[in-house]
C-alpha atoms as a PDB file:
ATOM      1  CA  MET A   1     -58.515   3.259  65.525  1.00  0.00           C
ATOM      2  CA  LYS A   2     -61.710   0.683  66.226  1.00  0.00           C
ATOM      3  CA  LEU A   3     -64.554   3.276  65.648  1.00  0.00           C
ATOM      4  CA  ARG A   4     -62.509   4.135  61.740  1.00  0.00           C
ATOM      5  CA  PHE A   5     -62.769   0.576  61.418  1.00  0.00           C
ATOM      6  CA  ILE A   6     -66.501  -0.099  62.002  1.00  0.00           C
ATOM      7  CA  PHE A   7     -67.501   2.507  60.250  1.00  0.00           C
ATOM      8  CA  ALA A   8     -65.554   2.103  56.853  1.00  0.00           C
ATOM      9  CA  LEU A   9     -66.300  -1.853  57.471  1.00  0.00           C
ATOM     10  CA  THR A  10     -70.438  -0.414  58.159  1.00  0.00           C
ATOM     11  CA  LEU A  11     -69.829   2.059  54.648  1.00  0.00           C
ATOM     12  CA  GLY A  12     -68.262  -1.341  52.563  1.00  0.00           C
ATOM     13  CA  LEU A  13     -71.486  -3.018  53.447  1.00  0.00           C
ATOM     14  CA  VAL A  14     -73.619  -0.615  52.635  1.00  0.00           C
ATOM     15  CA  ALA A  15     -72.175  -0.653  49.608  1.00  0.00           C
ATOM     16  CA  PHE A  16     -72.159  -3.954  49.000  1.00  0.00           C
ATOM     17  CA  THR A  17     -75.634  -4.017  49.268  1.00  0.00           C
ATOM     18  CA  ALA A  18     -76.492  -1.275  47.362  1.00  0.00           C
ATOM     19  CA  GLN A  19     -74.641  -3.061  44.384  1.00  0.00           C
ATOM     20  CA  ALA A  20     -76.011  -6.558  45.295  1.00  0.00           C
ATOM     21  CA  ASN A  21     -79.250  -5.416  45.084  1.00  0.00           C
ATOM     22  CA  GLY A  22     -79.014  -3.380  41.462  1.00  0.00           C
ATOM     23  CA  SER A  23     -80.818  -0.944  40.168  1.00  0.00           C
ATOM     24  CA  ALA A  24     -83.865  -1.665  37.409  1.00  0.00           C
ATOM     25  CA  ASP A  25     -83.877   2.362  36.583  1.00  0.00           C
ATOM     26  CA  ALA A  26     -79.604   1.807  35.796  1.00  0.00           C
ATOM     27  CA  GLY A  27     -80.224  -1.748  34.632  1.00  0.00           C
ATOM     28  CA  LYS A  28     -82.718  -0.655  31.929  1.00  0.00           C
ATOM     29  CA  GLN A  29     -79.948   2.248  30.386  1.00  0.00           C
ATOM     30  CA  LYS A  30     -77.403  -1.189  30.408  1.00  0.00           C
ATOM     31  CA  SER A  31     -80.373  -2.789  28.332  1.00  0.00           C
ATOM     32  CA  GLN A  32     -79.935  -1.857  25.046  1.00  0.00           C
ATOM     33  CA  THR A  33     -77.850  -4.944  24.101  1.00  0.00           C
ATOM     34  CA  CYS A  34     -79.703  -7.688  25.301  1.00  0.00           C
ATOM     35  CA  GLN A  35     -82.967  -5.778  23.483  1.00  0.00           C
ATOM     36  CA  ALA A  36     -82.041  -7.470  20.550  1.00  0.00           C
ATOM     37  CA  CYS A  37     -82.268 -10.835  21.387  1.00  0.00           C
ATOM     38  CA  HIS A  38     -83.812 -10.638  24.955  1.00  0.00           C
ATOM     39  CA  GLY A  39     -86.348  -8.310  23.532  1.00  0.00           C
ATOM     40  CA  ALA A  40     -87.029  -4.766  25.613  1.00  0.00           C
ATOM     41  CA  ASP A  41     -88.353  -5.562  28.478  1.00  0.00           C
ATOM     42  CA  GLY A  42     -86.980  -9.811  28.366  1.00  0.00           C
ATOM     43  CA  ASN A  43     -89.928 -11.397  26.592  1.00  0.00           C
ATOM     44  CA  GLY A  44     -87.819 -12.005  23.302  1.00  0.00           C
ATOM     45  CA  VAL A  45     -88.094 -11.019  19.900  1.00  0.00           C
ATOM     46  CA  GLY A  46     -90.509 -13.809  18.248  1.00  0.00           C
ATOM     47  CA  ILE A  47     -87.553 -16.630  18.305  1.00  0.00           C
ATOM     48  CA  THR A  48     -87.586 -19.452  20.269  1.00  0.00           C
ATOM     49  CA  MET A  49     -84.427 -19.668  20.412  1.00  0.00           C
ATOM     50  CA  TYR A  50     -83.648 -16.228  22.765  1.00  0.00           C
ATOM     51  CA  PRO A  51     -84.679 -17.182  26.746  1.00  0.00           C
ATOM     52  CA  VAL A  52     -87.702 -14.902  27.721  1.00  0.00           C
ATOM     53  CA  ILE A  53     -85.961 -13.698  30.979  1.00  0.00           C
ATOM     54  CA  ALA A  54     -88.799 -11.272  31.758  1.00  0.00           C
ATOM     55  CA  GLY A  55     -89.359 -11.663  35.377  1.00  0.00           C
ATOM     56  CA  GLN A  56     -86.987 -14.154  36.216  1.00  0.00           C
ATOM     57  CA  HIS A  57     -84.998 -14.050  39.762  1.00  0.00           C
ATOM     58  CA  ALA A  58     -82.743 -11.707  40.352  1.00  0.00           C
ATOM     59  CA  ASP A  59     -80.294 -13.853  42.016  1.00  0.00           C
ATOM     60  CA  TYR A  60     -80.387 -16.462  38.740  1.00  0.00           C
ATOM     61  CA  LEU A  61     -79.895 -13.706  36.549  1.00  0.00           C
ATOM     62  CA  ARG A  62     -76.511 -12.682  37.950  1.00  0.00           C
ATOM     63  CA  LYS A  63     -75.721 -16.356  37.956  1.00  0.00           C
ATOM     64  CA  ALA A  64     -76.346 -17.045  34.341  1.00  0.00           C
ATOM     65  CA  LEU A  65     -74.319 -13.722  33.502  1.00  0.00           C
ATOM     66  CA  HIS A  66     -71.539 -14.441  36.246  1.00  0.00           C
ATOM     67  CA  ASP A  67     -71.251 -17.885  34.172  1.00  0.00           C
ATOM     68  CA  TYR A  68     -71.093 -16.512  31.272  1.00  0.00           C
ATOM     69  CA  LYS A  69     -68.437 -14.346  32.043  1.00  0.00           C
ATOM     70  CA  SER A  70     -66.191 -16.958  33.149  1.00  0.00           C
ATOM     71  CA  GLY A  71     -66.503 -19.148  30.749  1.00  0.00           C
ATOM     72  CA  VAL A  72     -68.639 -21.703  33.401  1.00  0.00           C
ATOM     73  CA  ARG A  73     -71.465 -21.932  30.491  1.00  0.00           C
ATOM     74  CA  SER A  74     -70.482 -21.829  27.203  1.00  0.00           C
ATOM     75  CA  ASN A  75     -72.069 -19.107  24.559  1.00  0.00           C
ATOM     76  CA  PRO A  76     -69.774 -16.926  22.363  1.00  0.00           C
ATOM     77  CA  ILE A  77     -72.313 -14.010  21.849  1.00  0.00           C
ATOM     78  CA  MET A  78     -73.111 -13.948  25.894  1.00  0.00           C
ATOM     79  CA  ALA A  79     -69.323 -14.644  26.598  1.00  0.00           C
ATOM     80  CA  GLY A  80     -68.674 -11.729  25.025  1.00  0.00           C
ATOM     81  CA  PHE A  81     -71.608  -9.177  26.294  1.00  0.00           C
ATOM     82  CA  ALA A  82     -71.066 -10.395  29.828  1.00  0.00           C
ATOM     83  CA  GLY A  83     -67.130 -10.162  29.671  1.00  0.00           C
ATOM     84  CA  ALA A  84     -67.490  -6.816  29.716  1.00  0.00           C
ATOM     85  CA  LEU A  85     -69.477  -6.146  32.328  1.00  0.00           C
ATOM     86  CA  SER A  86     -68.604  -4.849  35.958  1.00  0.00           C
ATOM     87  CA  GLU A  87     -70.572  -6.411  38.747  1.00  0.00           C
ATOM     88  CA  GLN A  88     -72.626  -3.593  39.395  1.00  0.00           C
ATOM     89  CA  ASP A  89     -73.929  -2.971  35.515  1.00  0.00           C
ATOM     90  CA  ILE A  90     -74.647  -6.894  36.419  1.00  0.00           C
ATOM     91  CA  ALA A  91     -76.558  -6.360  39.422  1.00  0.00           C
ATOM     92  CA  ASP A  92     -78.235  -3.800  37.462  1.00  0.00           C
ATOM     93  CA  LEU A  93     -79.240  -5.463  34.576  1.00  0.00           C
ATOM     94  CA  ALA A  94     -80.154  -8.269  36.856  1.00  0.00           C
ATOM     95  CA  ALA A  95     -83.011  -5.791  38.806  1.00  0.00           C
ATOM     96  CA  TYR A  96     -84.172  -4.749  35.631  1.00  0.00           C
ATOM     97  CA  PHE A  97     -85.295  -7.843  34.205  1.00  0.00           C
ATOM     98  CA  ALA A  98     -86.442  -9.413  37.152  1.00  0.00           C
ATOM     99  CA  SER A  99     -88.615  -6.556  37.510  1.00  0.00           C
ATOM    100  CA  GLN A 100     -90.638  -6.685  34.136  1.00  0.00           C
ATOM    101  CA  GLN A 101     -93.469  -8.917  33.552  1.00  0.00           C
ATOM    102  CA  GLY A 102     -93.111 -12.012  31.425  1.00  0.00           C
ATOM    103  CA  PRO A 103     -95.126 -15.218  31.204  1.00  0.00           C
ATOM    104  CA  LEU A 104     -92.121 -17.205  33.779  1.00  0.00           C
ATOM    105  CA  THR A 105     -93.910 -18.915  36.943  1.00  0.00           C
ATOM    106  CA  GLU A 106     -92.824 -20.514  40.258  1.00  0.00           C
ATOM    107  CA  LEU A 107     -94.006 -24.298  40.145  1.00  0.00           C
ATOM    108  CA  ASN A 108     -95.709 -24.050  43.020  1.00  0.00           C
ATOM    109  CA  ALA A 109     -97.309 -20.546  42.702  1.00  0.00           C
ATOM    110  CA  ASN A 110    -100.489 -19.249  40.850  1.00  0.00           C
ATOM    111  CA  PRO A 111     -99.453 -18.305  37.504  1.00  0.00           C
ATOM    112  CA  VAL A 112     -99.678 -14.641  36.499  1.00  0.00           C
ATOM    113  CA  LYS A 113    -102.273 -13.095  34.263  1.00  0.00           C
END
């Protein structure tokens, strides 16, 4: 009994870790809706009202999507899109956009050229 519990717990942790990390390949496939405003790679569509999300930290992107989904962030368009996303969708989209080259840099880092 104890061994089964440990086995089940281990499988659960592996599944959680895989989900938490997300797949950039899966995120690319799921990003079609996002591309209308954020561009194919997250670098925007030339209109400054849409944020550049390419190269943003994946954990930040996950939090932002969760906040839109829960209503903590108020934006009717993003709330509608985020509300339909599963946890895996959020992780995958975050992984994809975080893996893209963009103009964003960390304050303590040299800009990417």
